[in-house]
Amino acid sequence: MKKNKYGLLSMLLFCIVLISIACGNNQTDKQVTAESKKDTPLVKESVAETAKGPVININDTLSVKRMVLTMKDSAANMERVGMKLGEIYGVKLGAIIKKYNLKTTGAPVAWYKGPKAPYFFEAGIPVDKKPSKMPPGAYMKQIGTDSIVVAHFYGPYNLLPQAYEALGEWIKDHKKTLKGAPYEIYVGDPLDAQGKPKDPYKVQTDVVFSWK
């Protein structure tokens, strides 16, 4: 099997890391997923980094149009969310991608209906085309070319809510209105070539707010 940046093995390992993070951070109210067109930022602002805080860079830009193969689920707590994400990304969607000879076109994405339990979410992987026959429980979701503000987050996942706070302040300060649900994009691979966890401050996670 040809290896690519978002190969199924790498994706499965990525999900294992997400599960371990979720299990170890029960106080984290993780919200929603994200992506942006990083090569054409319109405005760039930086949120000050504290001694032990994350690095958060904010870009006002445009989203990339993508088709995302998704599945919906729910969980009573963040530990269960992590386990179900691992199953969706690494097993269920991976099997569909392989069966229908699809190509992944971006990093895993996830939308969350709200920040509190029970958690209702939709997890997906961008692909190059729609399956010839849509499998039961699978959906196609479109990410359009919307105006978005993105928090490029570097740091431990349990500090990710700070990215949401920074984006909320940006929306307020710029007198914008949210359009649709925010989402997260897991841009950086949390594992190195040997399969070991990387320094979290070198792993990028994007949180995206669409605005109007």
N, C-alpha and C. Protein backbone atom coordinates (compact mmCIF):
# COMPACT_ATOMS: atom_id res chain seq x y z
N MET A 1 0.85 -1.20 0.00
CA MET A 1 0.00 0.00 0.00
C MET A 1 0.88 1.24 0.00
N LYS A 2 0.54 2.17 -0.88
CA LYS A 2 1.32 3.39 -0.99
C LYS A 2 1.16 4.24 0.25
N LYS A 3 2.24 4.70 0.78
CA LYS A 3 2.20 5.51 1.99
C LYS A 3 2.01 6.97 1.64
N ASN A 4 1.13 7.69 2.37
CA ASN A 4 0.97 9.12 2.19
C ASN A 4 0.86 9.76 3.55
N LYS A 5 0.81 11.11 3.57
CA LYS A 5 0.85 11.85 4.83
C LYS A 5 -0.28 11.46 5.75
N TYR A 6 -1.43 11.14 5.19
CA TYR A 6 -2.58 10.79 6.00
C TYR A 6 -2.96 9.34 5.78
N GLY A 7 -1.94 8.45 5.69
CA GLY A 7 -2.18 7.04 5.52
C GLY A 7 -2.95 6.46 6.69
N LEU A 8 -3.59 5.31 6.48
CA LEU A 8 -4.46 4.73 7.51
C LEU A 8 -3.69 4.37 8.77
N LEU A 9 -2.46 3.86 8.63
CA LEU A 9 -1.69 3.50 9.81
C LEU A 9 -1.37 4.73 10.64
N SER A 10 -0.92 5.79 9.96
CA SER A 10 -0.62 7.03 10.68
C SER A 10 -1.86 7.58 11.35
N MET A 11 -2.99 7.48 10.65
CA MET A 11 -4.24 7.99 11.19
C MET A 11 -4.66 7.21 12.42
N LEU A 12 -4.47 5.89 12.38
CA LEU A 12 -4.84 5.06 13.52
C LEU A 12 -3.98 5.40 14.73
N LEU A 13 -2.68 5.60 14.50
CA LEU A 13 -1.79 5.99 15.59
C LEU A 13 -2.19 7.35 16.14
N PHE A 14 -2.58 8.24 15.24
CA PHE A 14 -3.04 9.57 15.65
C PHE A 14 -4.23 9.46 16.59
N CYS A 15 -5.17 8.57 16.25
CA CYS A 15 -6.36 8.40 17.08
C CYS A 15 -6.02 7.80 18.44
N ILE A 16 -5.02 6.92 18.49
CA ILE A 16 -4.59 6.35 19.76
C ILE A 16 -4.11 7.46 20.69
N VAL A 17 -3.37 8.43 20.12
CA VAL A 17 -2.90 9.57 20.91
C VAL A 17 -4.09 10.39 21.39
N LEU A 18 -5.09 10.61 20.52
CA LEU A 18 -6.27 11.37 20.93
C LEU A 18 -6.99 10.69 22.07
N ILE A 19 -7.08 9.35 22.01
CA ILE A 19 -7.75 8.60 23.06
C ILE A 19 -7.03 8.78 24.39
N SER A 20 -5.70 8.67 24.35
CA SER A 20 -4.94 8.79 25.60
C SER A 20 -5.07 10.18 26.19
N ILE A 21 -5.15 11.19 25.30
CA ILE A 21 -5.32 12.57 25.77
C ILE A 21 -6.69 12.73 26.40
N ALA A 22 -7.71 12.21 25.75
CA ALA A 22 -9.07 12.34 26.28
C ALA A 22 -9.21 11.65 27.62
N CYS A 23 -8.60 10.49 27.77
CA CYS A 23 -8.69 9.75 29.02
C CYS A 23 -7.98 10.48 30.16
N GLY A 24 -6.98 11.27 29.82
CA GLY A 24 -6.21 11.92 30.87
C GLY A 24 -6.65 13.34 31.17
N ASN A 25 -7.68 13.81 30.46
CA ASN A 25 -8.12 15.19 30.64
C ASN A 25 -9.63 15.26 30.74
N ASN A 26 -10.18 14.75 31.82
CA ASN A 26 -11.63 14.73 31.99
C ASN A 26 -12.22 16.10 32.21
N GLN A 27 -11.38 17.11 32.55
CA GLN A 27 -11.90 18.45 32.79
C GLN A 27 -11.95 19.28 31.53
N THR A 28 -11.50 18.73 30.41
CA THR A 28 -11.47 19.49 29.17
C THR A 28 -12.82 19.45 28.50
N ASP A 29 -13.41 20.60 28.24
CA ASP A 29 -14.66 20.69 27.50
C ASP A 29 -14.30 21.01 26.06
N LYS A 30 -13.89 19.99 25.32
CA LYS A 30 -13.45 20.18 23.96
C LYS A 30 -14.64 20.46 23.07
N GLN A 31 -14.53 21.47 22.23
CA GLN A 31 -15.67 21.82 21.42
C GLN A 31 -15.48 21.30 20.00
N VAL A 32 -15.13 22.12 19.06
CA VAL A 32 -15.36 21.81 17.67
C VAL A 32 -14.12 21.86 16.79
N THR A 33 -14.03 21.38 15.50
CA THR A 33 -12.88 21.23 14.61
C THR A 33 -12.50 22.35 13.65
N ALA A 34 -11.30 22.17 12.80
CA ALA A 34 -10.95 23.34 12.04
C ALA A 34 -9.94 23.28 10.92
N GLU A 35 -10.15 24.14 9.87
CA GLU A 35 -9.17 24.21 8.80
C GLU A 35 -9.19 25.56 8.13
N SER A 36 -8.06 25.95 7.53
CA SER A 36 -8.01 27.23 6.85
C SER A 36 -7.09 27.16 5.65
N LYS A 37 -7.15 28.19 4.84
CA LYS A 37 -6.23 28.32 3.73
C LYS A 37 -5.00 29.05 4.23
N LYS A 38 -4.01 28.30 4.66
CA LYS A 38 -2.89 28.86 5.41
C LYS A 38 -1.97 29.71 4.53
N ASP A 39 -1.96 29.46 3.21
CA ASP A 39 -0.99 30.14 2.37
C ASP A 39 -1.44 31.52 1.92
N THR A 40 -2.72 31.93 2.24
CA THR A 40 -3.17 33.25 1.83
C THR A 40 -3.86 33.98 2.98
N PRO A 41 -3.16 34.17 4.10
CA PRO A 41 -3.79 34.90 5.21
C PRO A 41 -4.03 36.36 4.85
N LEU A 42 -5.15 36.88 5.30
CA LEU A 42 -5.46 38.28 5.07
C LEU A 42 -4.99 39.15 6.22
N VAL A 43 -5.20 38.65 7.44
CA VAL A 43 -4.78 39.37 8.63
C VAL A 43 -4.18 38.37 9.58
N LYS A 44 -3.13 38.74 10.27
CA LYS A 44 -2.52 37.83 11.24
C LYS A 44 -2.30 38.56 12.54
N GLU A 45 -2.78 37.95 13.61
CA GLU A 45 -2.59 38.51 14.93
C GLU A 45 -2.08 37.41 15.84
N SER A 46 -1.34 37.77 16.86
CA SER A 46 -0.82 36.80 17.80
C SER A 46 -1.41 37.03 19.18
N VAL A 47 -1.74 35.93 19.84
CA VAL A 47 -2.19 35.99 21.22
C VAL A 47 -0.98 35.74 22.10
N ALA A 48 -0.79 36.57 23.10
CA ALA A 48 0.39 36.47 23.93
C ALA A 48 0.50 35.10 24.57
N GLU A 49 1.70 34.58 24.59
CA GLU A 49 1.98 33.28 25.19
C GLU A 49 2.40 33.47 26.64
N THR A 50 1.78 32.71 27.51
CA THR A 50 2.18 32.74 28.91
C THR A 50 3.28 31.72 29.14
N ALA A 51 3.84 31.70 30.35
CA ALA A 51 4.98 30.84 30.65
C ALA A 51 4.68 29.37 30.34
N LYS A 52 3.48 28.90 30.72
CA LYS A 52 3.13 27.50 30.49
C LYS A 52 1.94 27.36 29.54
N GLY A 53 1.57 28.48 28.93
CA GLY A 53 0.41 28.45 28.07
C GLY A 53 0.73 28.00 26.66
N PRO A 54 -0.31 27.84 25.84
CA PRO A 54 -0.11 27.44 24.45
C PRO A 54 0.32 28.62 23.60
N VAL A 55 0.75 28.33 22.37
CA VAL A 55 1.01 29.35 21.37
C VAL A 55 -0.21 29.37 20.46
N ILE A 56 -0.82 30.54 20.29
CA ILE A 56 -2.03 30.68 19.48
C ILE A 56 -1.83 31.83 18.49
N ASN A 57 -1.83 31.51 17.21
CA ASN A 57 -1.75 32.52 16.15
C ASN A 57 -3.08 32.59 15.44
N ILE A 58 -3.62 33.79 15.30
CA ILE A 58 -4.94 33.97 14.72
C ILE A 58 -4.85 34.55 13.31
N ASN A 59 -5.52 33.91 12.37
CA ASN A 59 -5.57 34.37 10.98
C ASN A 59 -7.01 34.60 10.55
N ASP A 60 -7.25 35.72 9.90
CA ASP A 60 -8.53 36.00 9.25
C ASP A 60 -8.32 35.68 7.78
N THR A 61 -9.03 34.67 7.25
CA THR A 61 -8.72 34.17 5.92
C THR A 61 -9.94 33.55 5.27
N LEU A 62 -9.75 32.67 4.31
CA LEU A 62 -10.82 31.96 3.63
C LEU A 62 -10.62 30.47 3.78
N SER A 63 -11.70 29.72 3.95
CA SER A 63 -11.59 28.28 4.07
C SER A 63 -11.41 27.64 2.69
N VAL A 64 -10.83 26.47 2.68
CA VAL A 64 -10.63 25.71 1.45
C VAL A 64 -11.86 24.84 1.21
N LYS A 65 -12.36 24.84 -0.01
CA LYS A 65 -13.53 24.03 -0.33
C LYS A 65 -13.14 22.56 -0.34
N ARG A 66 -13.83 21.75 0.47
CA ARG A 66 -13.52 20.33 0.56
C ARG A 66 -14.79 19.51 0.72
N MET A 67 -14.70 18.25 0.28
CA MET A 67 -15.72 17.26 0.58
C MET A 67 -15.19 16.41 1.73
N VAL A 68 -16.03 16.22 2.75
CA VAL A 68 -15.59 15.47 3.93
C VAL A 68 -16.51 14.27 4.14
N LEU A 69 -15.92 13.10 4.20
CA LEU A 69 -16.66 11.87 4.51
C LEU A 69 -16.78 11.78 6.02
N THR A 70 -18.02 11.74 6.53
CA THR A 70 -18.20 11.83 7.97
C THR A 70 -19.10 10.73 8.54
N MET A 71 -19.06 10.62 9.84
CA MET A 71 -19.98 9.80 10.61
C MET A 71 -20.37 10.56 11.87
N LYS A 72 -21.60 10.35 12.33
CA LYS A 72 -22.09 11.02 13.52
C LYS A 72 -22.16 10.05 14.69
N ASP A 73 -21.95 10.59 15.88
CA ASP A 73 -22.01 9.75 17.08
C ASP A 73 -22.21 10.64 18.29
N SER A 74 -22.30 10.02 19.46
CA SER A 74 -22.43 10.75 20.71
C SER A 74 -21.73 9.97 21.81
N ALA A 75 -21.44 10.64 22.90
CA ALA A 75 -20.76 9.99 24.02
C ALA A 75 -21.10 10.71 25.31
N ALA A 76 -21.07 9.97 26.39
CA ALA A 76 -21.44 10.52 27.69
C ALA A 76 -20.32 11.33 28.33
N ASN A 77 -19.06 11.08 27.93
CA ASN A 77 -17.93 11.79 28.51
C ASN A 77 -16.79 11.85 27.51
N MET A 78 -15.75 12.63 27.83
CA MET A 78 -14.65 12.83 26.90
C MET A 78 -13.85 11.55 26.66
N GLU A 79 -13.78 10.69 27.66
CA GLU A 79 -13.09 9.42 27.46
C GLU A 79 -13.75 8.62 26.35
N ARG A 80 -15.09 8.57 26.37
CA ARG A 80 -15.82 7.85 25.33
C ARG A 80 -15.70 8.55 23.98
N VAL A 81 -15.64 9.89 23.99
CA VAL A 81 -15.44 10.62 22.74
C VAL A 81 -14.13 10.17 22.08
N GLY A 82 -13.06 10.13 22.88
CA GLY A 82 -11.77 9.72 22.34
C GLY A 82 -11.80 8.32 21.76
N MET A 83 -12.44 7.40 22.46
CA MET A 83 -12.53 6.03 21.97
C MET A 83 -13.32 5.96 20.67
N LYS A 84 -14.42 6.71 20.60
CA LYS A 84 -15.25 6.66 19.39
C LYS A 84 -14.58 7.35 18.22
N LEU A 85 -13.85 8.43 18.47
CA LEU A 85 -13.09 9.06 17.39
C LEU A 85 -12.07 8.10 16.82
N GLY A 86 -11.39 7.36 17.70
CA GLY A 86 -10.43 6.37 17.23
C GLY A 86 -11.07 5.34 16.33
N GLU A 87 -12.26 4.89 16.71
CA GLU A 87 -12.96 3.89 15.91
C GLU A 87 -13.43 4.46 14.57
N ILE A 88 -13.94 5.69 14.60
CA ILE A 88 -14.44 6.30 13.37
C ILE A 88 -13.30 6.58 12.39
N TYR A 89 -12.26 7.27 12.85
CA TYR A 89 -11.16 7.62 11.96
C TYR A 89 -10.37 6.39 11.50
N GLY A 90 -9.97 5.58 12.47
CA GLY A 90 -9.03 4.50 12.16
C GLY A 90 -9.65 3.22 11.64
N VAL A 91 -10.95 3.01 11.90
CA VAL A 91 -11.58 1.74 11.50
C VAL A 91 -12.69 1.97 10.49
N LYS A 92 -13.75 2.65 10.87
CA LYS A 92 -14.94 2.76 10.02
C LYS A 92 -14.67 3.57 8.76
N LEU A 93 -14.19 4.81 8.90
CA LEU A 93 -13.92 5.61 7.72
C LEU A 93 -12.74 5.07 6.93
N GLY A 94 -11.77 4.53 7.65
CA GLY A 94 -10.63 3.93 6.97
C GLY A 94 -11.05 2.79 6.06
N ALA A 95 -11.99 1.98 6.51
CA ALA A 95 -12.47 0.86 5.71
C ALA A 95 -13.22 1.35 4.47
N ILE A 96 -14.01 2.42 4.62
CA ILE A 96 -14.74 2.97 3.48
C ILE A 96 -13.77 3.55 2.45
N ILE A 97 -12.78 4.27 2.92
CA ILE A 97 -11.79 4.86 2.03
C ILE A 97 -11.07 3.79 1.23
N LYS A 98 -10.72 2.70 1.89
CA LYS A 98 -10.03 1.60 1.21
C LYS A 98 -10.95 0.88 0.23
N LYS A 99 -12.17 0.59 0.66
CA LYS A 99 -13.12 -0.18 -0.18
C LYS A 99 -13.47 0.55 -1.46
N TYR A 100 -13.66 1.87 -1.38
CA TYR A 100 -14.10 2.63 -2.54
C TYR A 100 -12.95 3.38 -3.23
N ASN A 101 -11.74 3.04 -2.87
CA ASN A 101 -10.54 3.58 -3.51
C ASN A 101 -10.54 5.12 -3.50
N LEU A 102 -10.83 5.69 -2.34
CA LEU A 102 -10.83 7.13 -2.19
C LEU A 102 -9.44 7.61 -1.79
N LYS A 103 -9.18 8.88 -2.02
CA LYS A 103 -7.93 9.48 -1.59
C LYS A 103 -8.22 10.56 -0.56
N THR A 104 -7.46 10.56 0.51
CA THR A 104 -7.63 11.60 1.51
C THR A 104 -6.99 12.89 1.01
N THR A 105 -7.64 14.02 1.27
CA THR A 105 -7.16 15.30 0.77
C THR A 105 -6.87 16.30 1.89
N GLY A 106 -6.89 15.84 3.13
CA GLY A 106 -6.61 16.74 4.23
C GLY A 106 -6.62 16.01 5.55
N ALA A 107 -6.40 16.75 6.60
CA ALA A 107 -6.32 16.18 7.95
C ALA A 107 -7.71 15.91 8.52
N PRO A 108 -7.81 15.02 9.52
CA PRO A 108 -9.10 14.73 10.16
C PRO A 108 -9.77 15.98 10.72
N VAL A 109 -11.10 16.00 10.62
CA VAL A 109 -11.91 17.15 11.04
C VAL A 109 -12.98 16.66 12.01
N ALA A 110 -13.43 17.52 12.92
CA ALA A 110 -14.52 17.15 13.82
C ALA A 110 -15.34 18.37 14.21
N TRP A 111 -16.65 18.18 14.25
CA TRP A 111 -17.58 19.21 14.71
C TRP A 111 -18.25 18.70 15.99
N TYR A 112 -18.43 19.57 16.95
CA TYR A 112 -19.12 19.21 18.19
C TYR A 112 -20.32 20.12 18.37
N LYS A 113 -21.45 19.53 18.77
CA LYS A 113 -22.69 20.29 18.90
C LYS A 113 -22.64 21.24 20.08
N GLY A 114 -21.89 20.90 21.11
CA GLY A 114 -21.80 21.77 22.29
C GLY A 114 -20.64 21.36 23.17
N PRO A 115 -20.29 22.21 24.15
CA PRO A 115 -19.12 21.96 24.99
C PRO A 115 -19.38 21.11 26.23
N LYS A 116 -20.63 20.69 26.43
CA LYS A 116 -20.94 19.95 27.65
C LYS A 116 -21.52 18.57 27.34
N ALA A 117 -21.35 17.64 28.28
CA ALA A 117 -21.88 16.28 28.13
C ALA A 117 -23.41 16.31 28.23
N PRO A 118 -24.08 15.40 27.50
CA PRO A 118 -23.53 14.43 26.56
C PRO A 118 -23.04 15.11 25.29
N TYR A 119 -21.99 14.57 24.69
CA TYR A 119 -21.36 15.16 23.54
C TYR A 119 -21.91 14.55 22.24
N PHE A 120 -22.42 15.40 21.37
CA PHE A 120 -22.87 14.98 20.05
C PHE A 120 -21.87 15.54 19.04
N PHE A 121 -21.32 14.68 18.20
CA PHE A 121 -20.26 15.13 17.30
C PHE A 121 -20.35 14.46 15.94
N GLU A 122 -19.66 15.07 14.99
CA GLU A 122 -19.54 14.53 13.64
C GLU A 122 -18.07 14.56 13.28
N ALA A 123 -17.50 13.43 12.95
CA ALA A 123 -16.07 13.32 12.67
C ALA A 123 -15.88 12.91 11.22
N GLY A 124 -14.90 13.51 10.55
CA GLY A 124 -14.73 13.21 9.14
C GLY A 124 -13.31 13.31 8.64
N ILE A 125 -13.14 12.82 7.42
CA ILE A 125 -11.86 12.88 6.72
C ILE A 125 -12.12 13.44 5.32
N PRO A 126 -11.43 14.51 4.93
CA PRO A 126 -11.60 15.04 3.57
C PRO A 126 -11.16 14.01 2.53
N VAL A 127 -11.96 13.85 1.48
CA VAL A 127 -11.66 12.88 0.42
C VAL A 127 -11.85 13.53 -0.95
N ASP A 128 -11.33 12.86 -1.98
CA ASP A 128 -11.34 13.43 -3.32
C ASP A 128 -12.66 13.28 -4.06
N LYS A 129 -13.51 12.35 -3.61
CA LYS A 129 -14.78 12.13 -4.30
C LYS A 129 -15.75 11.41 -3.38
N LYS A 130 -17.01 11.40 -3.79
CA LYS A 130 -18.05 10.69 -3.06
C LYS A 130 -17.98 9.21 -3.40
N PRO A 131 -18.15 8.31 -2.42
CA PRO A 131 -18.16 6.88 -2.74
C PRO A 131 -19.23 6.55 -3.77
N SER A 132 -18.98 5.55 -4.60
CA SER A 132 -19.95 5.17 -5.62
C SER A 132 -21.27 4.74 -5.01
N LYS A 133 -21.23 4.22 -3.79
CA LYS A 133 -22.42 3.88 -3.04
C LYS A 133 -22.20 4.30 -1.60
N MET A 134 -23.07 5.18 -1.10
CA MET A 134 -22.86 5.70 0.25
C MET A 134 -23.19 4.62 1.28
N PRO A 135 -22.20 4.21 2.09
CA PRO A 135 -22.42 3.17 3.09
C PRO A 135 -23.38 3.65 4.19
N PRO A 136 -24.10 2.74 4.82
CA PRO A 136 -25.00 3.12 5.92
C PRO A 136 -24.24 3.83 7.03
N GLY A 137 -24.81 4.91 7.53
CA GLY A 137 -24.19 5.65 8.63
C GLY A 137 -23.14 6.64 8.21
N ALA A 138 -22.83 6.72 6.92
CA ALA A 138 -21.82 7.66 6.43
C ALA A 138 -22.50 8.82 5.70
N TYR A 139 -21.86 9.98 5.74
CA TYR A 139 -22.43 11.18 5.12
C TYR A 139 -21.32 11.94 4.40
N MET A 140 -21.74 12.81 3.48
CA MET A 140 -20.81 13.73 2.85
C MET A 140 -21.14 15.13 3.33
N LYS A 141 -20.14 15.83 3.83
CA LYS A 141 -20.31 17.20 4.35
C LYS A 141 -19.40 18.11 3.55
N GLN A 142 -19.92 19.27 3.19
CA GLN A 142 -19.15 20.22 2.37
C GLN A 142 -18.61 21.35 3.22
N ILE A 143 -17.32 21.62 3.09
CA ILE A 143 -16.73 22.83 3.66
C ILE A 143 -16.59 23.81 2.51
N GLY A 144 -17.25 24.97 2.64
CA GLY A 144 -17.26 25.93 1.55
C GLY A 144 -16.15 26.95 1.66
N THR A 145 -16.12 27.86 0.70
CA THR A 145 -15.12 28.93 0.71
C THR A 145 -15.67 30.12 1.50
N ASP A 146 -15.77 29.92 2.80
CA ASP A 146 -16.33 30.94 3.68
C ASP A 146 -15.23 31.85 4.24
N SER A 147 -15.65 33.01 4.72
CA SER A 147 -14.76 33.85 5.50
C SER A 147 -14.63 33.21 6.88
N ILE A 148 -13.40 33.00 7.32
CA ILE A 148 -13.18 32.33 8.59
C ILE A 148 -12.08 33.03 9.38
N VAL A 149 -12.10 32.82 10.67
CA VAL A 149 -10.99 33.20 11.53
C VAL A 149 -10.50 31.92 12.19
N VAL A 150 -9.20 31.70 12.12
CA VAL A 150 -8.60 30.44 12.54
C VAL A 150 -7.59 30.67 13.65
N ALA A 151 -7.67 29.85 14.68
CA ALA A 151 -6.65 29.84 15.72
C ALA A 151 -5.73 28.66 15.46
N HIS A 152 -4.49 28.95 15.05
CA HIS A 152 -3.49 27.90 14.88
C HIS A 152 -2.89 27.64 16.27
N PHE A 153 -3.22 26.51 16.83
CA PHE A 153 -2.91 26.21 18.22
C PHE A 153 -1.74 25.24 18.31
N TYR A 154 -0.79 25.56 19.20
CA TYR A 154 0.35 24.69 19.48
C TYR A 154 0.46 24.53 20.99
N GLY A 155 0.30 23.32 21.46
CA GLY A 155 0.37 23.10 22.90
C GLY A 155 -0.43 21.88 23.30
N PRO A 156 -0.48 21.57 24.62
CA PRO A 156 -1.24 20.42 25.11
C PRO A 156 -2.71 20.56 24.77
N TYR A 157 -3.34 19.46 24.39
CA TYR A 157 -4.74 19.49 23.97
C TYR A 157 -5.68 19.96 25.08
N ASN A 158 -5.30 19.73 26.34
CA ASN A 158 -6.20 20.15 27.42
C ASN A 158 -6.27 21.67 27.55
N LEU A 159 -5.39 22.39 26.85
CA LEU A 159 -5.43 23.86 26.85
C LEU A 159 -6.16 24.41 25.63
N LEU A 160 -6.70 23.53 24.79
CA LEU A 160 -7.37 23.96 23.56
C LEU A 160 -8.52 24.93 23.79
N PRO A 161 -9.26 24.86 24.90
CA PRO A 161 -10.33 25.84 25.12
C PRO A 161 -9.85 27.29 25.05
N GLN A 162 -8.56 27.53 25.31
CA GLN A 162 -8.04 28.89 25.21
C GLN A 162 -8.10 29.42 23.78
N ALA A 163 -8.02 28.50 22.80
CA ALA A 163 -8.14 28.91 21.40
C ALA A 163 -9.56 29.40 21.12
N TYR A 164 -10.54 28.71 21.70
CA TYR A 164 -11.93 29.14 21.54
C TYR A 164 -12.16 30.50 22.18
N GLU A 165 -11.57 30.71 23.35
CA GLU A 165 -11.70 31.99 24.03
C GLU A 165 -11.10 33.12 23.19
N ALA A 166 -9.93 32.85 22.60
CA ALA A 166 -9.26 33.86 21.78
C ALA A 166 -10.10 34.20 20.55
N LEU A 167 -10.70 33.17 19.91
CA LEU A 167 -11.53 33.42 18.74
C LEU A 167 -12.81 34.17 19.12
N GLY A 168 -13.37 33.83 20.28
CA GLY A 168 -14.55 34.54 20.74
C GLY A 168 -14.26 36.01 20.93
N GLU A 169 -13.10 36.34 21.48
CA GLU A 169 -12.70 37.73 21.66
C GLU A 169 -12.52 38.42 20.31
N TRP A 170 -11.93 37.69 19.35
CA TRP A 170 -11.72 38.27 18.01
C TRP A 170 -13.06 38.61 17.36
N ILE A 171 -14.01 37.68 17.44
CA ILE A 171 -15.34 37.91 16.87
C ILE A 171 -15.99 39.14 17.51
N LYS A 172 -15.86 39.24 18.82
CA LYS A 172 -16.45 40.37 19.55
C LYS A 172 -15.77 41.68 19.17
N ASP A 173 -14.44 41.68 19.16
CA ASP A 173 -13.69 42.90 18.89
C ASP A 173 -13.90 43.42 17.46
N HIS A 174 -14.08 42.47 16.52
CA HIS A 174 -14.25 42.85 15.11
C HIS A 174 -15.72 42.96 14.70
N LYS A 175 -16.61 42.83 15.70
CA LYS A 175 -18.04 42.99 15.47
C LYS A 175 -18.55 42.08 14.36
N LYS A 176 -18.15 40.81 14.42
CA LYS A 176 -18.60 39.81 13.46
C LYS A 176 -19.65 38.91 14.09
N THR A 177 -20.33 38.14 13.26
CA THR A 177 -21.33 37.18 13.71
C THR A 177 -20.95 35.78 13.26
N LEU A 178 -21.04 34.82 14.15
CA LEU A 178 -20.70 33.45 13.80
C LEU A 178 -21.66 32.91 12.74
N LYS A 179 -21.12 32.09 11.84
CA LYS A 179 -21.91 31.46 10.79
C LYS A 179 -21.68 29.95 10.87
N GLY A 180 -22.66 29.23 11.37
CA GLY A 180 -22.51 27.79 11.51
C GLY A 180 -21.68 27.40 12.72
N ALA A 181 -21.46 26.11 12.85
CA ALA A 181 -20.74 25.57 14.00
C ALA A 181 -19.23 25.65 13.80
N PRO A 182 -18.48 25.99 14.85
CA PRO A 182 -17.01 25.93 14.77
C PRO A 182 -16.55 24.49 14.57
N TYR A 183 -15.32 24.32 14.14
CA TYR A 183 -14.78 22.97 13.98
C TYR A 183 -13.27 22.97 14.21
N GLU A 184 -12.74 21.79 14.40
CA GLU A 184 -11.31 21.60 14.64
C GLU A 184 -10.71 20.78 13.51
N ILE A 185 -9.47 21.10 13.16
CA ILE A 185 -8.71 20.30 12.20
C ILE A 185 -7.41 19.89 12.87
N TYR A 186 -7.13 18.60 12.85
CA TYR A 186 -5.93 18.07 13.49
C TYR A 186 -4.81 18.04 12.45
N VAL A 187 -4.19 19.21 12.24
CA VAL A 187 -3.24 19.42 11.16
C VAL A 187 -1.94 18.66 11.37
N GLY A 188 -1.36 18.80 12.55
CA GLY A 188 -0.06 18.19 12.80
C GLY A 188 -0.16 16.75 13.27
N ASP A 189 0.76 15.94 12.83
CA ASP A 189 0.84 14.56 13.29
C ASP A 189 1.47 14.57 14.68
N PRO A 190 0.80 14.07 15.71
CA PRO A 190 1.36 14.11 17.07
C PRO A 190 2.44 13.07 17.31
N LEU A 191 2.72 12.23 16.31
CA LEU A 191 3.75 11.20 16.45
C LEU A 191 4.90 11.46 15.50
N ASP A 192 6.13 11.12 15.94
CA ASP A 192 7.28 11.27 15.06
C ASP A 192 7.45 10.02 14.20
N ALA A 193 8.53 9.96 13.44
CA ALA A 193 8.76 8.84 12.51
C ALA A 193 8.90 7.51 13.23
N GLN A 194 9.26 7.54 14.51
CA GLN A 194 9.40 6.32 15.31
C GLN A 194 8.12 5.97 16.05
N GLY A 195 7.07 6.75 15.85
CA GLY A 195 5.80 6.47 16.52
C GLY A 195 5.73 6.99 17.94
N LYS A 196 6.65 7.88 18.31
CA LYS A 196 6.66 8.43 19.67
C LYS A 196 5.98 9.81 19.68
N PRO A 197 5.30 10.16 20.78
CA PRO A 197 4.63 11.46 20.85
C PRO A 197 5.63 12.61 20.71
N LYS A 198 5.25 13.60 19.90
CA LYS A 198 6.07 14.78 19.72
C LYS A 198 5.85 15.78 20.85
N ASP A 199 6.73 16.74 20.92
CA ASP A 199 6.52 17.89 21.81
C ASP A 199 5.21 18.55 21.38
N PRO A 200 4.21 18.67 22.27
CA PRO A 200 2.92 19.23 21.87
C PRO A 200 3.02 20.65 21.32
N TYR A 201 4.09 21.37 21.68
CA TYR A 201 4.26 22.72 21.17
C TYR A 201 4.79 22.75 19.74
N LYS A 202 4.98 21.56 19.16
CA LYS A 202 5.37 21.45 17.76
C LYS A 202 4.28 20.78 16.92
N VAL A 203 3.11 20.59 17.54
CA VAL A 203 1.99 19.95 16.85
C VAL A 203 0.87 20.98 16.67
N GLN A 204 0.41 21.15 15.43
CA GLN A 204 -0.60 22.16 15.12
C GLN A 204 -2.01 21.58 15.11
N THR A 205 -2.91 22.25 15.81
CA THR A 205 -4.35 21.98 15.75
C THR A 205 -5.04 23.29 15.41
N ASP A 206 -5.92 23.27 14.41
CA ASP A 206 -6.62 24.49 14.02
C ASP A 206 -8.04 24.48 14.57
N VAL A 207 -8.45 25.60 15.09
CA VAL A 207 -9.85 25.80 15.50
C VAL A 207 -10.40 26.89 14.59
N VAL A 208 -11.55 26.62 13.96
CA VAL A 208 -12.08 27.50 12.93
C VAL A 208 -13.47 28.02 13.29
N PHE A 209 -13.63 29.34 13.18
CA PHE A 209 -14.94 29.98 13.30
C PHE A 209 -15.26 30.61 11.93
N SER A 210 -16.38 30.22 11.33
CA SER A 210 -16.86 30.92 10.13
C SER A 210 -17.63 32.16 10.58
N TRP A 211 -17.50 33.25 9.82
CA TRP A 211 -18.17 34.48 10.24
C TRP A 211 -18.83 35.17 9.06
N LYS A 212 -19.74 36.07 9.40
CA LYS A 212 -20.40 36.88 8.38
C LYS A 212 -20.54 38.31 8.89
